[in-house]
């Protein structure tokens, strides 16, 4: 999957989650570990705002790559500062919508 990093790192969380990385954890059911950027092995420190550019034949994300929706993925601070840049993410990265869900704030 290929994503475009958005310049929204300091955007406040409004869904009841403690932070954007907690929003990702609450909604993915996973614990953030290593940065999602394919070429990075640093710890994921933040939830980065991204748009999906190419879903790599992942049919569940195909529409997301066409509608410019915003998603959160766990990334390091350095990769989060690549505003406007596109990069590939590790296989299995699960992007979470920025929209509030029933899992928020838990």
C-alpha atoms as a PDB file:
ATOM      1  CA  UNK A   1       0.000   0.000   0.000  1.00  0.00           C
ATOM      2  CA  UNK A   2       1.216   3.490  -0.816  1.00  0.00           C
ATOM      3  CA  UNK A   3       0.172   6.517   1.251  1.00  0.00           C
ATOM      4  CA  UNK A   4       0.565  10.295   1.144  1.00  0.00           C
ATOM      5  CA  UNK A   5       1.529  11.911   4.435  1.00  0.00           C
ATOM      6  CA  UNK A   6      -0.676  14.840   5.433  1.00  0.00           C
ATOM      7  CA  UNK A   7       0.442  17.818   7.481  1.00  0.00           C
ATOM      8  CA  UNK A   8      -1.877  17.237  10.411  1.00  0.00           C
ATOM      9  CA  UNK A   9       0.441  15.923  13.114  1.00  0.00           C
ATOM     10  CA  UNK A  10      -0.698  18.459  15.695  1.00  0.00           C
ATOM     11  CA  UNK A  11      -4.407  18.217  14.890  1.00  0.00           C
ATOM     12  CA  UNK A  12      -6.224  17.589  18.183  1.00  0.00           C
ATOM     13  CA  UNK A  13      -8.051  14.326  18.731  1.00  0.00           C
ATOM     14  CA  UNK A  14     -11.792  15.003  19.019  1.00  0.00           C
ATOM     15  CA  UNK A  15     -13.158  11.472  19.347  1.00  0.00           C
ATOM     16  CA  UNK A  16     -12.358  10.794  22.995  1.00  0.00           C
ATOM     17  CA  UNK A  17      -9.125   8.907  22.376  1.00  0.00           C
ATOM     18  CA  UNK A  18      -6.033  10.043  24.272  1.00  0.00           C
ATOM     19  CA  UNK A  19      -3.977  10.594  21.098  1.00  0.00           C
ATOM     20  CA  UNK A  20      -3.973   9.636  17.426  1.00  0.00           C
ATOM     21  CA  UNK A  21      -1.791   6.597  18.089  1.00  0.00           C
ATOM     22  CA  UNK A  22      -4.264   5.499  20.764  1.00  0.00           C
ATOM     23  CA  UNK A  23      -7.087   6.108  18.259  1.00  0.00           C
ATOM     24  CA  UNK A  24      -5.307   3.700  15.902  1.00  0.00           C
ATOM     25  CA  UNK A  25      -4.780   1.120  18.668  1.00  0.00           C
ATOM     26  CA  UNK A  26      -8.392   1.400  19.892  1.00  0.00           C
ATOM     27  CA  UNK A  27      -9.799   0.926  16.406  1.00  0.00           C
ATOM     28  CA  UNK A  28      -7.324  -1.585  14.949  1.00  0.00           C
ATOM     29  CA  UNK A  29      -7.187  -3.870  17.969  1.00  0.00           C
ATOM     30  CA  UNK A  30      -3.400  -3.845  17.652  1.00  0.00           C
ATOM     31  CA  UNK A  31      -0.542  -2.315  19.630  1.00  0.00           C
ATOM     32  CA  UNK A  32       1.709   0.088  17.730  1.00  0.00           C
ATOM     33  CA  UNK A  33       5.231  -1.248  17.441  1.00  0.00           C
ATOM     34  CA  UNK A  34       7.521  -0.348  14.562  1.00  0.00           C
ATOM     35  CA  UNK A  35       6.912   2.531  12.150  1.00  0.00           C
ATOM     36  CA  UNK A  36       4.589   1.537   9.290  1.00  0.00           C
ATOM     37  CA  UNK A  37       6.815   3.125   6.617  1.00  0.00           C
ATOM     38  CA  UNK A  38       8.388   0.320   4.588  1.00  0.00           C
ATOM     39  CA  UNK A  39      11.972   1.596   4.812  1.00  0.00           C
ATOM     40  CA  UNK A  40      11.872   2.517   8.523  1.00  0.00           C
ATOM     41  CA  UNK A  41      12.550   0.370  11.585  1.00  0.00           C
ATOM     42  CA  UNK A  42      12.159   3.044  14.277  1.00  0.00           C
ATOM     43  CA  UNK A  43       9.496   2.751  16.985  1.00  0.00           C
ATOM     44  CA  UNK A  44       6.046   4.069  16.066  1.00  0.00           C
ATOM     45  CA  UNK A  45       5.573   7.104  18.295  1.00  0.00           C
ATOM     46  CA  UNK A  46       2.560   8.865  16.745  1.00  0.00           C
ATOM     47  CA  UNK A  47      -0.520   8.253  14.678  1.00  0.00           C
ATOM     48  CA  UNK A  48       0.204   9.803  11.302  1.00  0.00           C
ATOM     49  CA  UNK A  49      -2.520  11.279   9.098  1.00  0.00           C
ATOM     50  CA  UNK A  50      -2.384   9.771   5.595  1.00  0.00           C
ATOM     51  CA  UNK A  51      -4.390   9.306   2.435  1.00  0.00           C
ATOM     52  CA  UNK A  52      -4.228   6.022   0.559  1.00  0.00           C
ATOM     53  CA  UNK A  53      -2.703   6.506  -2.882  1.00  0.00           C
ATOM     54  CA  UNK A  54      -2.546   2.871  -4.019  1.00  0.00           C
ATOM     55  CA  UNK A  55      -4.207  -0.070  -2.302  1.00  0.00           C
ATOM     56  CA  UNK A  56      -2.068  -2.742  -4.064  1.00  0.00           C
ATOM     57  CA  UNK A  57      -5.106  -4.837  -5.024  1.00  0.00           C
ATOM     58  CA  UNK A  58      -6.434  -4.846  -1.460  1.00  0.00           C
ATOM     59  CA  UNK A  59     -10.106  -4.731  -2.411  1.00  0.00           C
ATOM     60  CA  UNK A  60     -11.170  -3.607   1.075  1.00  0.00           C
ATOM     61  CA  UNK A  61      -9.084  -0.423   0.592  1.00  0.00           C
ATOM     62  CA  UNK A  62      -9.623   0.117  -3.124  1.00  0.00           C
ATOM     63  CA  UNK A  63     -12.402   2.685  -2.635  1.00  0.00           C
ATOM     64  CA  UNK A  64     -10.334   4.498   0.006  1.00  0.00           C
ATOM     65  CA  UNK A  65      -7.606   5.024  -2.561  1.00  0.00           C
ATOM     66  CA  UNK A  66     -10.129   6.851  -4.753  1.00  0.00           C
ATOM     67  CA  UNK A  67     -12.032   9.033  -2.296  1.00  0.00           C
ATOM     68  CA  UNK A  68      -9.162  10.882  -0.537  1.00  0.00           C
ATOM     69  CA  UNK A  69     -10.406   9.892   2.929  1.00  0.00           C
ATOM     70  CA  UNK A  70      -8.053  10.445   5.857  1.00  0.00           C
ATOM     71  CA  UNK A  71      -6.593   7.582   7.840  1.00  0.00           C
ATOM     72  CA  UNK A  72      -4.242   7.021  10.769  1.00  0.00           C
ATOM     73  CA  UNK A  73      -1.267   4.667  10.726  1.00  0.00           C
ATOM     74  CA  UNK A  74       1.399   4.241  13.424  1.00  0.00           C
ATOM     75  CA  UNK A  75       4.645   5.933  12.390  1.00  0.00           C
ATOM     76  CA  UNK A  76       7.765   7.458  13.902  1.00  0.00           C
ATOM     77  CA  UNK A  77       8.061  11.217  14.336  1.00  0.00           C
ATOM     78  CA  UNK A  78      10.604  11.499  11.527  1.00  0.00           C
ATOM     79  CA  UNK A  79       8.297   9.838   8.977  1.00  0.00           C
ATOM     80  CA  UNK A  80       5.375  11.878  10.294  1.00  0.00           C
ATOM     81  CA  UNK A  81       7.272  15.021   9.268  1.00  0.00           C
ATOM     82  CA  UNK A  82       7.399  13.978   5.596  1.00  0.00           C
ATOM     83  CA  UNK A  83       4.515  16.305   4.802  1.00  0.00           C
ATOM     84  CA  UNK A  84       3.034  15.790   1.358  1.00  0.00           C
ATOM     85  CA  UNK A  85       5.407  12.941   0.537  1.00  0.00           C
ATOM     86  CA  UNK A  86       4.293   9.528  -0.649  1.00  0.00           C
ATOM     87  CA  UNK A  87       5.803   6.299   0.629  1.00  0.00           C
ATOM     88  CA  UNK A  88       5.057   2.584   0.767  1.00  0.00           C
ATOM     89  CA  UNK A  89       3.999   0.997   4.037  1.00  0.00           C
ATOM     90  CA  UNK A  90       4.780  -2.422   5.412  1.00  0.00           C
ATOM     91  CA  UNK A  91       2.514  -5.301   4.345  1.00  0.00           C
ATOM     92  CA  UNK A  92      -0.296  -5.809   6.842  1.00  0.00           C
ATOM     93  CA  UNK A  93      -0.457  -2.156   7.895  1.00  0.00           C
ATOM     94  CA  UNK A  94      -4.048  -1.461   8.873  1.00  0.00           C
ATOM     95  CA  UNK A  95      -5.154   2.132   8.203  1.00  0.00           C
ATOM     96  CA  UNK A  96      -7.862   3.408  10.569  1.00  0.00           C
ATOM     97  CA  UNK A  97     -10.324   6.128   9.608  1.00  0.00           C
ATOM     98  CA  UNK A  98      -9.992   9.392  11.549  1.00  0.00           C
ATOM     99  CA  UNK A  99     -13.770   9.278  12.148  1.00  0.00           C
ATOM    100  CA  UNK A 100     -15.131   8.576  15.610  1.00  0.00           C
ATOM    101  CA  UNK A 101     -16.257   4.994  16.243  1.00  0.00           C
ATOM    102  CA  UNK A 102     -17.641   2.963  19.147  1.00  0.00           C
ATOM    103  CA  UNK A 103     -14.057   1.942  20.004  1.00  0.00           C
ATOM    104  CA  UNK A 104     -12.915   5.529  20.594  1.00  0.00           C
ATOM    105  CA  UNK A 105     -12.018   6.661  24.102  1.00  0.00           C
ATOM    106  CA  UNK A 106     -11.509   3.174  25.500  1.00  0.00           C
END
